[in-house]
Amino acid sequence: MIGKDHIMYPFLTRMEKIIAMRKFIQRLSGKYVKPYKLEFIAKNGNVFLKEVDARTIKDENKNVVMIIVMVTELRKQ
């Protein structure tokens, strides 16, 4: 996943890609985006619910230079 365009990720459904892109655009526009859930599809077809939490890193001019993303699998207890 490192350095990849998340819209090209084969492990997200079309709808999940749309949700991820909307959140990405919100972040780039300077809005805070709280953690959200997405369904990821494994190579074997199994679907896993994961939480996505991302933070923007800005330079001294307040330009976004990087987005750090943490994806956590949500397991049933």
PDB file of N, CA and C in Angstrom:
ATOM      1  N   MET A   1       0.813  -1.195   0.000  1.00  0.00           N
ATOM      2  CA  MET A   1       0.000   0.000   0.000  1.00  0.00           C
ATOM      3  C   MET A   1       0.858   1.260   0.000  1.00  0.00           C
ATOM      4  N   ILE A   2       2.094   1.156   0.469  1.00  0.00           N
ATOM      5  CA  ILE A   2       2.938   2.343   0.598  1.00  0.00           C
ATOM      6  C   ILE A   2       3.179   2.980  -0.765  1.00  0.00           C
ATOM      7  N   GLY A   3       2.913   4.261  -0.855  1.00  0.00           N
ATOM      8  CA  GLY A   3       3.187   5.017  -2.066  1.00  0.00           C
ATOM      9  C   GLY A   3       2.240   4.750  -3.223  1.00  0.00           C
ATOM     10  N   LYS A   4       1.174   4.016  -2.989  1.00  0.00           N
ATOM     11  CA  LYS A   4       0.228   3.681  -4.054  1.00  0.00           C
ATOM     12  C   LYS A   4      -0.942   4.655  -4.072  1.00  0.00           C
ATOM     13  N   ASP A   5      -1.533   4.807  -5.238  1.00  0.00           N
ATOM     14  CA  ASP A   5      -2.746   5.595  -5.396  1.00  0.00           C
ATOM     15  C   ASP A   5      -3.897   4.720  -4.897  1.00  0.00           C
ATOM     16  N   HIS A   6      -4.521   5.114  -3.799  1.00  0.00           N
ATOM     17  CA  HIS A   6      -5.535   4.248  -3.190  1.00  0.00           C
ATOM     18  C   HIS A   6      -6.737   4.007  -4.088  1.00  0.00           C
ATOM     19  N   ILE A   7      -6.981   4.852  -5.071  1.00  0.00           N
ATOM     20  CA  ILE A   7      -8.113   4.638  -5.971  1.00  0.00           C
ATOM     21  C   ILE A   7      -7.861   3.426  -6.867  1.00  0.00           C
ATOM     22  N   MET A   8      -6.612   3.083  -7.084  1.00  0.00           N
ATOM     23  CA  MET A   8      -6.287   1.935  -7.920  1.00  0.00           C
ATOM     24  C   MET A   8      -6.267   0.621  -7.126  1.00  0.00           C
ATOM     25  N   TYR A   9      -6.420   0.708  -5.818  1.00  0.00           N
ATOM     26  CA  TYR A   9      -6.330  -0.488  -4.989  1.00  0.00           C
ATOM     27  C   TYR A   9      -7.378  -1.518  -5.386  1.00  0.00           C
ATOM     28  N   PRO A  10      -6.957  -2.714  -5.733  1.00  0.00           N
ATOM     29  CA  PRO A  10      -7.921  -3.753  -6.112  1.00  0.00           C
ATOM     30  C   PRO A  10      -8.672  -4.332  -4.920  1.00  0.00           C
ATOM     31  N   PHE A  11      -8.254  -3.988  -3.704  1.00  0.00           N
ATOM     32  CA  PHE A  11      -8.895  -4.571  -2.519  1.00  0.00           C
ATOM     33  C   PHE A  11     -10.011  -3.705  -1.957  1.00  0.00           C
ATOM     34  N   LEU A  12     -10.416  -2.684  -2.695  1.00  0.00           N
ATOM     35  CA  LEU A  12     -11.586  -1.897  -2.313  1.00  0.00           C
ATOM     36  C   LEU A  12     -12.639  -2.029  -3.409  1.00  0.00           C
ATOM     37  N   THR A  13     -13.897  -2.122  -2.997  1.00  0.00           N
ATOM     38  CA  THR A  13     -14.972  -2.141  -3.985  1.00  0.00           C
ATOM     39  C   THR A  13     -15.109  -0.742  -4.592  1.00  0.00           C
ATOM     40  N   ARG A  14     -15.872  -0.637  -5.653  1.00  0.00           N
ATOM     41  CA  ARG A  14     -16.071   0.667  -6.302  1.00  0.00           C
ATOM     42  C   ARG A  14     -16.639   1.682  -5.318  1.00  0.00           C
ATOM     43  N   MET A  15     -17.630   1.271  -4.534  1.00  0.00           N
ATOM     44  CA  MET A  15     -18.255   2.178  -3.574  1.00  0.00           C
ATOM     45  C   MET A  15     -17.260   2.582  -2.478  1.00  0.00           C
ATOM     46  N   GLU A  16     -16.453   1.658  -2.016  1.00  0.00           N
ATOM     47  CA  GLU A  16     -15.468   1.968  -0.985  1.00  0.00           C
ATOM     48  C   GLU A  16     -14.407   2.931  -1.530  1.00  0.00           C
ATOM     49  N   LYS A  17     -14.058   2.792  -2.808  1.00  0.00           N
ATOM     50  CA  LYS A  17     -13.106   3.718  -3.433  1.00  0.00           C
ATOM     51  C   LYS A  17     -13.683   5.128  -3.476  1.00  0.00           C
ATOM     52  N   ILE A  18     -14.979   5.239  -3.745  1.00  0.00           N
ATOM     53  CA  ILE A  18     -15.637   6.551  -3.778  1.00  0.00           C
ATOM     54  C   ILE A  18     -15.601   7.192  -2.391  1.00  0.00           C
ATOM     55  N   ILE A  19     -15.912   6.409  -1.373  1.00  0.00           N
ATOM     56  CA  ILE A  19     -15.878   6.915   0.005  1.00  0.00           C
ATOM     57  C   ILE A  19     -14.463   7.366   0.353  1.00  0.00           C
ATOM     58  N   ALA A  20     -13.467   6.538   0.030  1.00  0.00           N
ATOM     59  CA  ALA A  20     -12.074   6.875   0.334  1.00  0.00           C
ATOM     60  C   ALA A  20     -11.653   8.152  -0.383  1.00  0.00           C
ATOM     61  N   MET A  21     -12.058   8.327  -1.629  1.00  0.00           N
ATOM     62  CA  MET A  21     -11.692   9.527  -2.379  1.00  0.00           C
ATOM     63  C   MET A  21     -12.343  10.764  -1.775  1.00  0.00           C
ATOM     64  N   ARG A  22     -13.575  10.667  -1.354  1.00  0.00           N
ATOM     65  CA  ARG A  22     -14.243  11.809  -0.722  1.00  0.00           C
ATOM     66  C   ARG A  22     -13.504  12.237   0.552  1.00  0.00           C
ATOM     67  N   LYS A  23     -13.111  11.248   1.343  1.00  0.00           N
ATOM     68  CA  LYS A  23     -12.366  11.544   2.574  1.00  0.00           C
ATOM     69  C   LYS A  23     -11.014  12.166   2.242  1.00  0.00           C
ATOM     70  N   PHE A  24     -10.363  11.672   1.200  1.00  0.00           N
ATOM     71  CA  PHE A  24      -9.070  12.191   0.762  1.00  0.00           C
ATOM     72  C   PHE A  24      -9.193  13.661   0.356  1.00  0.00           C
ATOM     73  N   ILE A  25     -10.222  13.983  -0.415  1.00  0.00           N
ATOM     74  CA  ILE A  25     -10.446  15.364  -0.862  1.00  0.00           C
ATOM     75  C   ILE A  25     -10.731  16.276   0.331  1.00  0.00           C
ATOM     76  N   GLN A  26     -11.497  15.777   1.287  1.00  0.00           N
ATOM     77  CA  GLN A  26     -11.779  16.573   2.488  1.00  0.00           C
ATOM     78  C   GLN A  26     -10.481  16.905   3.226  1.00  0.00           C
ATOM     79  N   ARG A  27      -9.603  15.892   3.359  1.00  0.00           N
ATOM     80  CA  ARG A  27      -8.321  16.113   4.035  1.00  0.00           C
ATOM     81  C   ARG A  27      -7.473  17.146   3.302  1.00  0.00           C
ATOM     82  N   LEU A  28      -7.397  17.017   1.979  1.00  0.00           N
ATOM     83  CA  LEU A  28      -6.592  17.953   1.189  1.00  0.00           C
ATOM     84  C   LEU A  28      -7.119  19.382   1.278  1.00  0.00           C
ATOM     85  N   SER A  29      -8.416  19.514   1.479  1.00  0.00           N
ATOM     86  CA  SER A  29      -9.000  20.854   1.588  1.00  0.00           C
ATOM     87  C   SER A  29      -8.851  21.430   2.994  1.00  0.00           C
ATOM     88  N   GLY A  30      -8.190  20.699   3.875  1.00  0.00           N
ATOM     89  CA  GLY A  30      -7.908  21.203   5.220  1.00  0.00           C
ATOM     90  C   GLY A  30      -8.901  20.804   6.279  1.00  0.00           C
ATOM     91  N   LYS A  31      -9.896  20.016   5.918  1.00  0.00           N
ATOM     92  CA  LYS A  31     -10.900  19.591   6.893  1.00  0.00           C
ATOM     93  C   LYS A  31     -10.382  18.400   7.706  1.00  0.00           C
ATOM     94  N   TYR A  32     -10.817  18.351   8.959  1.00  0.00           N
ATOM     95  CA  TYR A  32     -10.501  17.193   9.801  1.00  0.00           C
ATOM     96  C   TYR A  32     -11.441  16.063   9.394  1.00  0.00           C
ATOM     97  N   VAL A  33     -10.890  14.885   9.227  1.00  0.00           N
ATOM     98  CA  VAL A  33     -11.689  13.706   8.891  1.00  0.00           C
ATOM     99  C   VAL A  33     -11.500  12.699  10.026  1.00  0.00           C
ATOM    100  N   LYS A  34     -12.585  12.401  10.728  1.00  0.00           N
ATOM    101  CA  LYS A  34     -12.476  11.437  11.817  1.00  0.00           C
ATOM    102  C   LYS A  34     -12.295  10.042  11.227  1.00  0.00           C
ATOM    103  N   PRO A  35     -11.754   9.104  12.011  1.00  0.00           N
ATOM    104  CA  PRO A  35     -11.577   7.735  11.508  1.00  0.00           C
ATOM    105  C   PRO A  35     -12.896   7.173  10.982  1.00  0.00           C
ATOM    106  N   TYR A  36     -12.792   6.368   9.933  1.00  0.00           N
ATOM    107  CA  TYR A  36     -13.981   5.799   9.306  1.00  0.00           C
ATOM    108  C   TYR A  36     -13.720   4.342   8.939  1.00  0.00           C
ATOM    109  N   LYS A  37     -14.776   3.628   8.652  1.00  0.00           N
ATOM    110  CA  LYS A  37     -14.668   2.201   8.350  1.00  0.00           C
ATOM    111  C   LYS A  37     -14.839   1.950   6.853  1.00  0.00           C
ATOM    112  N   LEU A  38     -14.063   0.997   6.338  1.00  0.00           N
ATOM    113  CA  LEU A  38     -14.173   0.547   4.953  1.00  0.00           C
ATOM    114  C   LEU A  38     -14.108  -0.967   4.925  1.00  0.00           C
ATOM    115  N   GLU A  39     -14.763  -1.555   3.935  1.00  0.00           N
ATOM    116  CA  GLU A  39     -14.652  -2.993   3.718  1.00  0.00           C
ATOM    117  C   GLU A  39     -13.530  -3.254   2.718  1.00  0.00           C
ATOM    118  N   PHE A  40     -12.603  -4.111   3.120  1.00  0.00           N
ATOM    119  CA  PHE A  40     -11.486  -4.511   2.268  1.00  0.00           C
ATOM    120  C   PHE A  40     -11.720  -5.938   1.805  1.00  0.00           C
ATOM    121  N   ILE A  41     -11.345  -6.229   0.566  1.00  0.00           N
ATOM    122  CA  ILE A  41     -11.530  -7.562   0.005  1.00  0.00           C
ATOM    123  C   ILE A  41     -10.164  -8.245  -0.104  1.00  0.00           C
ATOM    124  N   ALA A  42     -10.035  -9.413   0.534  1.00  0.00           N
ATOM    125  CA  ALA A  42      -8.797 -10.186   0.464  1.00  0.00           C
ATOM    126  C   ALA A  42      -8.710 -10.895  -0.889  1.00  0.00           C
ATOM    127  N   LYS A  43      -7.522 -11.386  -1.230  1.00  0.00           N
ATOM    128  CA  LYS A  43      -7.330 -12.090  -2.502  1.00  0.00           C
ATOM    129  C   LYS A  43      -8.262 -13.287  -2.628  1.00  0.00           C
ATOM    130  N   ASN A  44      -8.577 -13.922  -1.485  1.00  0.00           N
ATOM    131  CA  ASN A  44      -9.452 -15.102  -1.519  1.00  0.00           C
ATOM    132  C   ASN A  44     -10.934 -14.733  -1.541  1.00  0.00           C
ATOM    133  N   GLY A  45     -11.238 -13.422  -1.558  1.00  0.00           N
ATOM    134  CA  GLY A  45     -12.625 -12.981  -1.627  1.00  0.00           C
ATOM    135  C   GLY A  45     -13.267 -12.650  -0.294  1.00  0.00           C
ATOM    136  N   ASN A  46     -12.621 -13.005   0.803  1.00  0.00           N
ATOM    137  CA  ASN A  46     -13.163 -12.657   2.114  1.00  0.00           C
ATOM    138  C   ASN A  46     -13.179 -11.152   2.295  1.00  0.00           C
ATOM    139  N   VAL A  47     -14.201 -10.666   2.984  1.00  0.00           N
ATOM    140  CA  VAL A  47     -14.351  -9.235   3.228  1.00  0.00           C
ATOM    141  C   VAL A  47     -14.038  -8.955   4.697  1.00  0.00           C
ATOM    142  N   PHE A  48     -13.220  -7.927   4.927  1.00  0.00           N
ATOM    143  CA  PHE A  48     -12.820  -7.547   6.274  1.00  0.00           C
ATOM    144  C   PHE A  48     -13.156  -6.084   6.499  1.00  0.00           C
ATOM    145  N   LEU A  49     -13.765  -5.795   7.635  1.00  0.00           N
ATOM    146  CA  LEU A  49     -14.057  -4.427   8.010  1.00  0.00           C
ATOM    147  C   LEU A  49     -12.828  -3.852   8.705  1.00  0.00           C
ATOM    148  N   LYS A  50     -12.379  -2.689   8.233  1.00  0.00           N
ATOM    149  CA  LYS A  50     -11.196  -2.064   8.806  1.00  0.00           C
ATOM    150  C   LYS A  50     -11.483  -0.592   9.077  1.00  0.00           C
ATOM    151  N   GLU A  51     -10.781  -0.073  10.068  1.00  0.00           N
ATOM    152  CA  GLU A  51     -10.886   1.348  10.373  1.00  0.00           C
ATOM    153  C   GLU A  51      -9.708   2.074   9.745  1.00  0.00           C
ATOM    154  N   VAL A  52     -10.002   3.189   9.097  1.00  0.00           N
ATOM    155  CA  VAL A  52      -8.980   4.000   8.437  1.00  0.00           C
ATOM    156  C   VAL A  52      -8.869   5.322   9.195  1.00  0.00           C
ATOM    157  N   ASP A  53      -7.649   5.644   9.615  1.00  0.00           N
ATOM    158  CA  ASP A  53      -7.377   6.905  10.304  1.00  0.00           C
ATOM    159  C   ASP A  53      -6.189   7.541   9.600  1.00  0.00           C
ATOM    160  N   ALA A  54      -6.332   8.770   9.154  1.00  0.00           N
ATOM    161  CA  ALA A  54      -5.264   9.426   8.390  1.00  0.00           C
ATOM    162  C   ALA A  54      -5.032  10.836   8.904  1.00  0.00           C
ATOM    163  N   ARG A  55      -3.787  11.254   8.799  1.00  0.00           N
ATOM    164  CA  ARG A  55      -3.388  12.609   9.208  1.00  0.00           C
ATOM    165  C   ARG A  55      -2.546  13.234   8.108  1.00  0.00           C
ATOM    166  N   THR A  56      -2.762  14.517   7.898  1.00  0.00           N
ATOM    167  CA  THR A  56      -1.960  15.226   6.905  1.00  0.00           C
ATOM    168  C   THR A  56      -0.702  15.784   7.561  1.00  0.00           C
ATOM    169  N   ILE A  57       0.379  15.783   6.807  1.00  0.00           N
ATOM    170  CA  ILE A  57       1.638  16.399   7.217  1.00  0.00           C
ATOM    171  C   ILE A  57       1.834  17.598   6.293  1.00  0.00           C
ATOM    172  N   LYS A  58       2.023  18.762   6.889  1.00  0.00           N
ATOM    173  CA  LYS A  58       2.139  19.987   6.099  1.00  0.00           C
ATOM    174  C   LYS A  58       3.525  20.599   6.256  1.00  0.00           C
ATOM    175  N   ASP A  59       3.936  21.330   5.229  1.00  0.00           N
ATOM    176  CA  ASP A  59       5.214  22.031   5.300  1.00  0.00           C
ATOM    177  C   ASP A  59       5.020  23.388   5.982  1.00  0.00           C
ATOM    178  N   GLU A  60       6.082  24.175   6.039  1.00  0.00           N
ATOM    179  CA  GLU A  60       6.024  25.473   6.725  1.00  0.00           C
ATOM    180  C   GLU A  60       5.049  26.447   6.068  1.00  0.00           C
ATOM    181  N   ASN A  61       4.675  26.206   4.821  1.00  0.00           N
ATOM    182  CA  ASN A  61       3.698  27.050   4.124  1.00  0.00           C
ATOM    183  C   ASN A  61       2.283  26.494   4.207  1.00  0.00           C
ATOM    184  N   LYS A  62       2.111  25.472   5.028  1.00  0.00           N
ATOM    185  CA  LYS A  62       0.816  24.817   5.252  1.00  0.00           C
ATOM    186  C   LYS A  62       0.313  24.042   4.039  1.00  0.00           C
ATOM    187  N   ASN A  63       1.234  23.659   3.148  1.00  0.00           N
ATOM    188  CA  ASN A  63       0.887  22.799   2.020  1.00  0.00           C
ATOM    189  C   ASN A  63       0.977  21.342   2.462  1.00  0.00           C
ATOM    190  N   VAL A  64       0.017  20.542   2.048  1.00  0.00           N
ATOM    191  CA  VAL A  64       0.050  19.118   2.382  1.00  0.00           C
ATOM    192  C   VAL A  64       1.172  18.461   1.582  1.00  0.00           C
ATOM    193  N   VAL A  65       2.095  17.834   2.292  1.00  0.00           N
ATOM    194  CA  VAL A  65       3.209  17.155   1.627  1.00  0.00           C
ATOM    195  C   VAL A  65       3.113  15.640   1.762  1.00  0.00           C
ATOM    196  N   MET A  66       2.279  15.188   2.705  1.00  0.00           N
ATOM    197  CA  MET A  66       2.166  13.752   2.934  1.00  0.00           C
ATOM    198  C   MET A  66       0.899  13.471   3.731  1.00  0.00           C
ATOM    199  N   ILE A  67       0.368  12.308   3.517  1.00  0.00           N
ATOM    200  CA  ILE A  67      -0.741  11.835   4.345  1.00  0.00           C
ATOM    201  C   ILE A  67      -0.324  10.489   4.915  1.00  0.00           C
ATOM    202  N   ILE A  68      -0.347  10.391   6.226  1.00  0.00           N
ATOM    203  CA  ILE A  68      -0.012   9.139   6.897  1.00  0.00           C
ATOM    204  C   ILE A  68      -1.321   8.442   7.232  1.00  0.00           C
ATOM    205  N   VAL A  69      -1.420   7.187   6.825  1.00  0.00           N
ATOM    206  CA  VAL A  69      -2.662   6.430   6.993  1.00  0.00           C
ATOM    207  C   VAL A  69      -2.410   5.194   7.843  1.00  0.00           C
ATOM    208  N   MET A  70      -3.277   4.986   8.816  1.00  0.00           N
ATOM    209  CA  MET A  70      -3.236   3.792   9.655  1.00  0.00           C
ATOM    210  C   MET A  70      -4.513   3.012   9.387  1.00  0.00           C
ATOM    211  N   VAL A  71      -4.367   1.741   9.012  1.00  0.00           N
ATOM    212  CA  VAL A  71      -5.517   0.877   8.764  1.00  0.00           C
ATOM    213  C   VAL A  71      -5.497  -0.222   9.815  1.00  0.00           C
ATOM    214  N   THR A  72      -6.584  -0.336  10.565  1.00  0.00           N
ATOM    215  CA  THR A  72      -6.678  -1.299  11.646  1.00  0.00           C
ATOM    216  C   THR A  72      -7.836  -2.248  11.376  1.00  0.00           C
ATOM    217  N   GLU A  73      -7.551  -3.542  11.447  1.00  0.00           N
ATOM    218  CA  GLU A  73      -8.618  -4.517  11.251  1.00  0.00           C
ATOM    219  C   GLU A  73      -9.504  -4.544  12.495  1.00  0.00           C
ATOM    220  N   LEU A  74     -10.804  -4.547  12.259  1.00  0.00           N
ATOM    221  CA  LEU A  74     -11.771  -4.623  13.343  1.00  0.00           C
ATOM    222  C   LEU A  74     -12.211  -6.068  13.489  1.00  0.00           C
ATOM    223  N   ARG A  75     -11.921  -6.648  14.605  1.00  0.00           N
ATOM    224  CA  ARG A  75     -12.257  -8.057  14.819  1.00  0.00           C
ATOM    225  C   ARG A  75     -13.429  -8.185  15.756  1.00  0.00           C
ATOM    226  N   LYS A  76     -14.203  -9.208  15.536  1.00  0.00           N
ATOM    227  CA  LYS A  76     -15.307  -9.505  16.426  1.00  0.00           C
ATOM    228  C   LYS A  76     -14.750 -10.143  17.683  1.00  0.00           C
ATOM    229  N   GLN A  77     -15.262  -9.720  18.830  1.00  0.00           N
ATOM    230  CA  GLN A  77     -14.801 -10.261  20.119  1.00  0.00           C
ATOM    231  C   GLN A  77     -15.655 -11.442  20.521  1.00  0.00           C
TER     232      GLN A  77
END
